[in-house]
Amino acid sequence: MLSQGALTGIRVLDLSRLLPGPYCSMILADHGAEVIAVEGKKFQSDEMFFKEISRNKRHVSLNLKTQEGKAIFLALAKKADVILEGFRPGVVKTLGVDYETVKAVNPGVIYCSITGYGQTGPMWDRVGHDVNYLSISGILDLIGEKGHPPSIPGVQFADIAGGSMNAAIGILLALFAREKTGKGQYIDISMTDGMIGYLTLPSFFTKLTGQRYERSETKLSHRFACYNTYETADHRYLAIGAVEERFWRNLCEHLGVPEYTSLQYDEQRRQEIIAFMRKTFAGKSLEEWEEEFLEVEVCHSRIQGYEEVLRDPLFLEREMIVPVLQRDGTLSKALGIPVKLSDTPGSLRTPPVDFGEQTREVLVELGYTNGEIDDFIERGVV
C-alpha cells in the first residue's frame, strides 16, 4: 500500500469560501492534494468560516484588490494544477484573477467555478443560497408533508451534492483529460444544474404513470406502507424501505398479515395498510422492533439523531467517525472519508487550520522576505 493519496502531487489553489468550494477542496485534500485556501481578511471574523472543512489544507489571507495581492496570487497560480473559485460570475474578471488571465501564465491550469445558476443563462448574476437552488430545481417541492408547505432540509444538498461533489468530479475528469491531451480547461459548475440531475426518478415515474409527482405522494415517499416512517411506543421513529416484493412479503408475514402481500401498491387499500402499520409499530419500542427484525430480512433502520450517529458502531468501524488530534493537544471527533481506496486511501493528516494561519509560511516559499511580509501585513495586502 502506498503511503500517499491518489492526488499526491496535485496543487490546488482555492479562492472559494462558505461551503460548496471549501468542501470540494477538502475532498481533494483528503486524497493527498496540496490545497492552499486563499481568502480576504475581511472574512476573518465571519461566522461562516467553516473550520471543520479546512482540514488537510493551508490557509492564506490575501487582498486581491491590491496589486501586490494580485501578484502573489499569480505567483501561486503559476504552480497550481487546479484553481477553484465560488464568486458570483464576473467577479474574478473584475479582480483580474479569471481563467483567461491565469491561463496566460499557466496554460495547463484547470479552473473550476462554482455558482448558483451557472455562468450563462438568464439567472447567471442572481444571488442565492441552498434553499433557492433546491426550490427552482423542483427538489424542494418534493420535500415535506402532503398539505403542508415544502420543508427545508437540515443539510445543504445543493451546496454539497450539486456544487462540491460535481466540482470534484469535474476537476478529476479534467485532470484525467489533461493526462491525455496536455491541456487544461475551464469548468462551469452550477449548483442548480446539479440538483436537476436528482429529478431522474421523478422524471421516470411521471412518464411511466402519467401522474404528477407530488410531495409525500410518490412510490418512494410516504404514499405506500412499504416505504414509510413509523413512530414507535417510545416516541422514536423507524424507517421501512421494503420496496421489493420479497422484503414486503417478509414484513407482512412477520406481522401476521400475509393478505397484505399482494396489496403492496394497491391504491384502494393503501390508507388501510398504512393505518395498520402505524398502529402496529406504535405497540413496541424502537429497541424491541430492532431486536425483533434481526432475523427477518426487512429493509429497516432506526432514525438517528446526530449524537447517536457519532457513537454508532457502524460508523466507528467504517472510520466515518474518527478521532483527530487538535493543535491544542485535545482529541475531537471528525467525519471520516467516504471514498475508500485500497492502495491510495485518503487520510486526515492535519487538523483544521485557523484563518490565514500559513500566510507567512507560503509567502516565504514564494521567495518573499520577512521584512516584505511585515510590510504587506502593515498595508493590508495580506
Protein backbone atom coordinates (compact mmCIF):
# COMPACT_ATOMS: atom_id res chain seq x y z
CA MET A 1 0.00 0.00 0.00
CA LEU A 2 1.28 3.45 -0.89
CA SER A 3 1.55 5.99 1.89
CA GLN A 4 0.47 8.77 -0.44
CA GLY A 5 -3.04 9.67 -1.52
CA ALA A 6 -4.34 9.34 -5.06
CA LEU A 7 -3.91 13.09 -5.64
CA THR A 8 -0.47 13.50 -4.10
CA GLY A 9 1.49 15.93 -6.26
CA ILE A 10 -1.60 17.88 -7.37
CA ARG A 11 -1.63 21.51 -6.26
CA VAL A 12 -4.93 23.27 -5.68
CA LEU A 13 -5.48 26.97 -5.11
CA ASP A 14 -8.89 27.54 -3.53
CA LEU A 15 -10.34 31.04 -3.74
CA SER A 16 -13.80 29.97 -2.60
CA ARG A 17 -15.46 30.45 0.76
CA LEU A 18 -18.56 29.30 2.67
CA LEU A 19 -19.42 25.64 1.93
CA PRO A 20 -19.51 24.46 -1.73
CA GLY A 21 -15.93 25.27 -2.80
CA PRO A 22 -14.17 24.57 0.51
CA TYR A 23 -15.96 21.22 0.84
CA CYS A 24 -14.80 20.33 -2.68
CA SER A 25 -11.19 21.24 -1.91
CA MET A 26 -11.43 19.23 1.33
CA ILE A 27 -12.30 16.14 -0.73
CA LEU A 28 -9.23 16.77 -2.89
CA ALA A 29 -7.05 17.47 0.17
CA ASP A 30 -8.26 14.31 1.93
CA HIS A 31 -6.90 12.34 -1.01
CA GLY A 32 -3.47 13.92 -0.98
CA ALA A 33 -3.76 17.15 -2.97
CA GLU A 34 -1.80 20.12 -1.67
CA VAL A 35 -4.51 22.71 -1.07
CA ILE A 36 -3.89 26.37 -0.30
CA ALA A 37 -7.07 28.21 0.62
CA VAL A 38 -7.00 31.95 -0.07
CA GLU A 39 -9.43 34.44 1.46
CA GLY A 40 -9.55 38.15 2.03
CA LYS A 41 -9.00 39.31 5.60
CA LYS A 42 -12.44 40.94 5.69
CA PHE A 43 -13.88 37.44 6.13
CA GLN A 44 -11.65 36.63 9.13
CA SER A 45 -14.34 37.30 11.72
CA ASP A 46 -17.09 35.85 9.53
CA GLU A 47 -19.07 33.20 11.41
CA MET A 48 -19.41 31.40 8.07
CA PHE A 49 -15.74 30.33 8.10
CA PHE A 50 -16.32 26.61 8.48
CA LYS A 51 -13.16 25.44 10.20
CA GLU A 52 -14.13 21.75 10.05
CA ILE A 53 -13.64 21.64 6.29
CA SER A 54 -10.24 23.34 6.42
CA ARG A 55 -8.51 20.10 7.46
CA ASN A 56 -5.54 18.89 5.40
CA LYS A 57 -5.17 22.40 3.95
CA ARG A 58 -3.08 25.50 4.38
CA HIS A 59 -4.81 28.86 4.67
CA VAL A 60 -3.57 32.22 3.44
CA SER A 61 -5.14 35.66 3.81
CA LEU A 62 -4.74 37.79 0.68
CA ASN A 63 -6.27 41.04 -0.53
CA LEU A 64 -6.80 40.53 -4.25
CA LYS A 65 -7.83 44.17 -4.69
CA THR A 66 -4.22 45.26 -4.23
CA GLN A 67 -1.60 44.97 -6.95
CA GLU A 68 0.75 43.12 -4.62
CA GLY A 69 -2.02 40.73 -3.61
CA LYS A 70 -2.78 40.00 -7.23
CA ALA A 71 0.92 39.42 -7.94
CA ILE A 72 1.14 36.96 -5.05
CA PHE A 73 -1.92 35.14 -6.35
CA LEU A 74 -0.50 34.84 -9.87
CA ALA A 75 2.79 33.56 -8.43
CA LEU A 76 0.82 30.83 -6.67
CA ALA A 77 -1.32 30.23 -9.77
CA LYS A 78 1.75 29.56 -11.91
CA LYS A 79 2.46 26.48 -9.80
CA ALA A 80 -1.13 25.29 -9.46
CA ASP A 81 -2.76 22.38 -11.23
CA VAL A 82 -6.25 23.43 -10.17
CA ILE A 83 -7.86 26.74 -9.24
CA LEU A 84 -11.25 26.74 -7.57
CA GLU A 85 -13.46 29.79 -7.06
CA GLY A 86 -17.01 30.46 -5.92
CA PHE A 87 -17.57 34.16 -6.57
CA ARG A 88 -20.58 35.47 -8.48
CA PRO A 89 -20.00 35.40 -12.26
CA GLY A 90 -17.80 38.28 -13.38
CA VAL A 91 -16.14 38.97 -10.02
CA VAL A 92 -12.89 37.13 -10.81
CA LYS A 93 -12.69 39.07 -14.10
CA THR A 94 -13.02 42.34 -12.19
CA LEU A 95 -10.33 41.21 -9.75
CA GLY A 96 -8.03 40.18 -12.61
CA VAL A 97 -7.76 36.54 -11.49
CA ASP A 98 -10.11 34.95 -14.03
CA TYR A 99 -9.41 31.88 -16.16
CA GLU A 100 -8.05 33.73 -19.18
CA THR A 101 -5.64 35.74 -17.01
CA VAL A 102 -4.40 32.66 -15.19
CA LYS A 103 -4.24 30.64 -18.41
CA ALA A 104 -1.81 33.23 -19.84
CA VAL A 105 0.72 32.37 -17.12
CA ASN A 106 -0.25 28.70 -16.69
CA PRO A 107 -1.69 27.16 -19.89
CA GLY A 108 -2.25 23.76 -18.31
CA VAL A 109 -4.33 25.03 -15.40
CA ILE A 110 -7.75 23.56 -14.62
CA TYR A 111 -10.01 26.37 -13.45
CA CYS A 112 -13.31 25.50 -11.77
CA SER A 113 -16.07 27.99 -10.94
CA ILE A 114 -18.96 27.05 -8.66
CA THR A 115 -22.01 29.31 -8.79
CA GLY A 116 -25.69 29.07 -8.02
CA TYR A 117 -27.06 29.29 -11.54
CA GLY A 118 -24.02 28.93 -13.81
CA GLN A 119 -22.00 31.33 -15.95
CA THR A 120 -24.70 31.60 -18.63
CA GLY A 121 -28.46 31.88 -18.84
CA PRO A 122 -31.00 34.46 -17.64
CA MET A 123 -30.15 33.98 -13.93
CA TRP A 124 -26.34 33.99 -14.15
CA ASP A 125 -25.97 37.09 -11.94
CA ARG A 126 -28.68 36.35 -9.38
CA VAL A 127 -27.71 35.82 -5.74
CA GLY A 128 -28.90 32.73 -3.91
CA HIS A 129 -28.33 30.05 -1.32
CA ASP A 130 -29.05 26.35 -0.96
CA VAL A 131 -32.78 26.81 -0.43
CA ASN A 132 -33.05 28.83 -3.66
CA TYR A 133 -31.28 26.22 -5.76
CA LEU A 134 -33.43 23.48 -4.24
CA SER A 135 -36.60 25.42 -4.89
CA ILE A 136 -36.09 26.46 -8.50
CA SER A 137 -34.85 23.00 -9.49
CA GLY A 138 -38.07 21.37 -8.25
CA ILE A 139 -36.43 19.47 -5.40
CA LEU A 140 -37.87 21.48 -2.52
CA ASP A 141 -41.40 20.98 -3.82
CA LEU A 142 -40.97 17.25 -3.17
CA ILE A 143 -39.81 17.55 0.46
CA GLY A 144 -42.26 17.71 3.36
CA GLU A 145 -45.74 16.51 4.31
CA LYS A 146 -48.69 16.48 1.98
CA GLY A 147 -50.90 19.51 2.52
CA HIS A 148 -48.09 21.43 4.24
CA PRO A 149 -45.51 23.89 2.90
CA PRO A 150 -42.30 22.47 1.47
CA SER A 151 -39.83 21.63 4.25
CA ILE A 152 -36.27 22.95 4.08
CA PRO A 153 -33.88 20.04 4.81
CA GLY A 154 -31.40 20.36 7.65
CA VAL A 155 -28.40 19.71 5.40
CA GLN A 156 -27.18 21.57 2.33
CA PHE A 157 -27.94 19.24 -0.56
CA ALA A 158 -27.49 21.79 -3.34
CA ASP A 159 -24.25 23.18 -1.91
CA ILE A 160 -22.59 19.78 -1.44
CA ALA A 161 -24.29 17.35 -3.84
CA GLY A 162 -24.94 19.93 -6.53
CA GLY A 163 -21.82 22.02 -6.07
CA SER A 164 -18.96 20.42 -4.14
CA MET A 165 -19.24 16.90 -5.49
CA ASN A 166 -19.89 17.86 -9.09
CA ALA A 167 -16.93 20.22 -8.91
CA ALA A 168 -14.73 17.43 -7.55
CA ILE A 169 -15.91 15.12 -10.34
CA GLY A 170 -15.32 17.81 -12.94
CA ILE A 171 -11.82 18.50 -11.64
CA LEU A 172 -10.92 14.81 -11.67
CA LEU A 173 -12.28 14.44 -15.21
CA ALA A 174 -10.28 17.46 -16.36
CA LEU A 175 -7.10 16.13 -14.70
CA PHE A 176 -7.62 12.81 -16.48
CA ALA A 177 -8.20 14.58 -19.81
CA ARG A 178 -5.04 16.64 -19.28
CA GLU A 179 -3.04 13.44 -18.91
CA LYS A 180 -4.09 12.56 -22.45
CA THR A 181 -4.11 15.99 -24.14
CA GLY A 182 -1.70 18.06 -22.06
CA LYS A 183 -4.30 20.83 -21.96
CA GLY A 184 -6.09 22.43 -19.05
CA GLN A 185 -9.68 23.66 -19.27
CA TYR A 186 -12.44 25.67 -17.65
CA ILE A 187 -15.20 24.03 -15.58
CA ASP A 188 -18.58 25.73 -15.10
CA ILE A 189 -20.45 24.18 -12.14
CA SER A 190 -23.99 25.33 -11.37
CA MET A 191 -25.45 24.06 -8.10
CA THR A 192 -28.90 24.30 -9.65
CA ASP A 193 -27.79 22.20 -12.63
CA GLY A 194 -26.58 19.62 -10.14
CA MET A 195 -29.99 19.44 -8.48
CA ILE A 196 -31.77 18.96 -11.82
CA GLY A 197 -29.94 15.66 -12.09
CA TYR A 198 -31.73 14.49 -8.94
CA LEU A 199 -35.03 14.53 -10.81
CA THR A 200 -34.14 11.25 -12.53
CA LEU A 201 -36.71 9.10 -10.71
CA PRO A 202 -39.45 11.76 -10.69
CA SER A 203 -38.97 12.03 -14.44
CA PHE A 204 -39.11 8.25 -14.87
CA PHE A 205 -42.22 7.72 -12.74
CA THR A 206 -44.04 10.68 -14.27
CA LYS A 207 -43.50 9.24 -17.75
CA LEU A 208 -44.40 5.76 -16.53
CA THR A 209 -47.65 6.64 -14.77
CA GLY A 210 -48.67 9.88 -16.44
CA GLN A 211 -49.37 11.30 -12.97
CA ARG A 212 -47.91 14.42 -11.39
CA TYR A 213 -45.09 13.71 -8.94
CA GLU A 214 -46.36 15.28 -5.69
CA ARG A 215 -44.90 15.91 -2.27
CA SER A 216 -45.20 12.85 0.03
CA GLU A 217 -47.42 11.19 -2.54
CA THR A 218 -44.95 9.13 -4.53
CA LYS A 219 -43.96 5.50 -4.58
CA LEU A 220 -40.74 6.31 -2.70
CA SER A 221 -42.12 9.00 -0.41
CA HIS A 222 -44.85 8.02 2.06
CA ARG A 223 -47.59 7.07 -0.41
CA PHE A 224 -47.39 3.38 0.41
CA ALA A 225 -46.80 1.49 3.64
CA CYS A 226 -43.77 -0.35 2.30
CA TYR A 227 -41.68 2.85 2.06
CA ASN A 228 -42.56 4.95 5.06
CA THR A 229 -41.65 6.05 8.58
CA TYR A 230 -43.40 4.96 11.76
CA GLU A 231 -43.45 6.14 15.35
CA THR A 232 -42.69 3.54 17.99
CA ALA A 233 -44.02 3.19 21.54
CA ASP A 234 -41.13 5.19 22.99
CA HIS A 235 -41.74 8.06 20.54
CA ARG A 236 -38.79 7.15 18.38
CA TYR A 237 -39.05 6.51 14.66
CA LEU A 238 -38.36 3.55 12.40
CA ALA A 239 -37.87 3.70 8.63
CA ILE A 240 -39.18 0.90 6.43
CA GLY A 241 -37.91 0.54 2.87
CA ALA A 242 -39.41 -2.78 1.76
CA VAL A 243 -39.69 -1.88 -1.94
CA GLU A 244 -39.06 -5.33 -3.39
CA GLU A 245 -41.93 -7.79 -3.10
CA ARG A 246 -39.84 -10.35 -1.16
CA PHE A 247 -39.00 -7.84 1.58
CA TRP A 248 -42.59 -6.64 1.77
CA ARG A 249 -43.77 -10.25 2.00
CA ASN A 250 -41.34 -10.91 4.85
CA LEU A 251 -42.69 -7.91 6.73
CA CYS A 252 -46.33 -8.78 6.18
CA GLU A 253 -45.87 -12.40 7.21
CA HIS A 254 -43.89 -11.43 10.29
CA LEU A 255 -46.62 -9.02 11.38
CA GLY A 256 -49.33 -11.63 10.80
CA VAL A 257 -50.97 -10.02 7.77
CA PRO A 258 -49.88 -12.16 4.79
CA GLU A 259 -53.01 -10.99 2.96
CA TYR A 260 -51.39 -7.58 2.52
CA THR A 261 -48.54 -9.02 0.46
CA SER A 262 -50.38 -8.75 -2.85
CA LEU A 263 -51.68 -5.29 -1.93
CA GLN A 264 -48.28 -3.63 -1.67
CA TYR A 265 -49.12 -0.89 -4.19
CA ASP A 266 -52.90 -1.13 -4.10
CA GLU A 267 -54.39 2.35 -4.35
CA GLN A 268 -57.75 1.40 -2.89
CA ARG A 269 -56.43 -0.06 0.36
CA ARG A 270 -53.15 1.80 0.87
CA GLN A 271 -54.56 4.01 3.66
CA GLU A 272 -55.89 0.94 5.46
CA ILE A 273 -52.49 -0.73 5.30
CA ILE A 274 -50.63 2.41 6.43
CA ALA A 275 -53.04 2.77 9.39
CA PHE A 276 -52.40 -0.85 10.37
CA MET A 277 -48.64 -0.35 10.22
CA ARG A 278 -48.81 2.82 12.28
CA LYS A 279 -50.86 1.12 14.99
CA THR A 280 -48.65 -1.97 14.98
CA PHE A 281 -45.32 -0.13 15.19
CA ALA A 282 -46.69 2.11 17.96
CA GLY A 283 -47.13 -1.02 20.10
CA LYS A 284 -43.43 -1.64 20.80
CA SER A 285 -40.29 0.37 21.46
CA LEU A 286 -37.69 1.04 18.79
CA GLU A 287 -35.24 -1.29 20.53
CA GLU A 288 -37.82 -4.06 20.63
CA TRP A 289 -38.52 -3.72 16.91
CA GLU A 290 -34.82 -3.73 16.07
CA GLU A 291 -34.31 -6.88 18.12
CA GLU A 292 -37.33 -8.49 16.50
CA PHE A 293 -36.18 -7.72 12.97
CA LEU A 294 -32.68 -9.14 13.45
CA GLU A 295 -33.75 -12.48 11.98
CA VAL A 296 -36.17 -11.05 9.41
CA GLU A 297 -34.97 -9.73 6.06
CA VAL A 298 -36.79 -6.40 6.02
CA CYS A 299 -35.20 -3.13 4.91
CA HIS A 300 -35.49 -1.30 8.20
CA SER A 301 -33.42 1.19 10.19
CA ARG A 302 -33.75 3.44 13.19
CA ILE A 303 -33.96 7.17 12.54
CA GLN A 304 -30.96 8.53 14.40
CA GLY A 305 -30.03 11.94 15.69
CA TYR A 306 -26.60 13.50 15.20
CA GLU A 307 -25.27 12.46 18.61
CA GLU A 308 -26.30 8.85 18.01
CA VAL A 309 -24.50 8.84 14.67
CA LEU A 310 -21.27 9.92 16.37
CA ARG A 311 -21.25 6.79 18.54
CA ASP A 312 -22.80 4.31 16.12
CA PRO A 313 -20.63 1.14 15.87
CA LEU A 314 -21.15 1.02 12.09
CA PHE A 315 -19.60 4.42 11.51
CA LEU A 316 -16.86 3.83 14.08
CA GLU A 317 -15.91 0.56 12.38
CA ARG A 318 -16.11 2.18 8.93
CA GLU A 319 -13.94 5.06 10.18
CA MET A 320 -16.58 7.60 9.28
CA ILE A 321 -16.31 8.96 12.82
CA VAL A 322 -12.65 9.30 13.71
CA PRO A 323 -10.61 10.92 16.50
CA VAL A 324 -8.49 13.87 15.42
CA LEU A 325 -5.73 15.44 17.48
CA GLN A 326 -6.28 19.19 17.64
CA ARG A 327 -3.46 21.71 17.78
CA ASP A 328 -4.03 22.22 21.50
CA GLY A 329 -3.42 18.52 22.11
CA THR A 330 -7.05 17.58 22.70
CA LEU A 331 -8.94 14.92 20.78
CA SER A 332 -12.16 15.63 18.96
CA LYS A 333 -14.44 13.66 16.66
CA ALA A 334 -14.32 14.32 12.94
CA LEU A 335 -16.22 12.98 9.98
CA GLY A 336 -14.21 10.45 8.01
CA ILE A 337 -13.54 9.87 4.33
CA PRO A 338 -16.34 8.08 2.45
CA VAL A 339 -14.36 7.16 -0.69
CA LYS A 340 -12.21 4.24 0.44
CA LEU A 341 -9.39 3.30 -1.96
CA SER A 342 -7.42 0.12 -1.26
CA ASP A 343 -3.97 1.24 -2.48
CA THR A 344 -4.08 5.03 -2.19
CA PRO A 345 -6.51 5.76 0.65
CA GLY A 346 -7.40 9.24 1.77
CA SER A 347 -6.27 10.39 5.18
CA LEU A 348 -6.73 13.07 7.83
CA ARG A 349 -3.17 14.32 8.03
CA THR A 350 -3.55 17.72 9.63
CA PRO A 351 -6.32 19.21 11.78
CA PRO A 352 -8.39 22.22 10.65
CA VAL A 353 -6.33 25.38 10.36
CA ASP A 354 -7.08 28.86 11.59
CA PHE A 355 -7.83 31.72 9.23
CA GLY A 356 -4.64 32.83 7.46
CA GLU A 357 -2.51 30.51 9.58
CA GLN A 358 0.03 29.72 6.86
CA THR A 359 0.20 33.14 5.22
CA ARG A 360 3.79 33.85 6.21
CA GLU A 361 4.89 30.28 5.52
CA VAL A 362 3.51 30.30 1.97
CA LEU A 363 4.94 33.74 1.17
CA VAL A 364 8.37 32.67 2.35
CA GLU A 365 8.13 29.69 0.00
CA LEU A 366 7.43 32.15 -2.83
CA GLY A 367 10.66 33.98 -2.01
CA TYR A 368 9.38 36.95 -0.01
CA THR A 369 11.44 38.11 2.97
CA ASN A 370 10.06 38.53 6.47
CA GLY A 371 10.51 42.27 6.07
CA GLU A 372 8.44 42.32 2.91
CA ILE A 373 5.79 40.18 4.57
CA ASP A 374 5.66 42.52 7.58
CA ASP A 375 5.15 45.41 5.14
CA PHE A 376 2.33 43.51 3.40
CA ILE A 377 0.63 42.95 6.75
CA GLU A 378 1.01 46.62 7.67
CA ARG A 379 -0.55 47.75 4.38
CA GLY A 380 -3.35 45.20 4.36
CA VAL A 381 -2.07 43.19 1.41
CA VAL A 382 -2.28 40.00 3.48
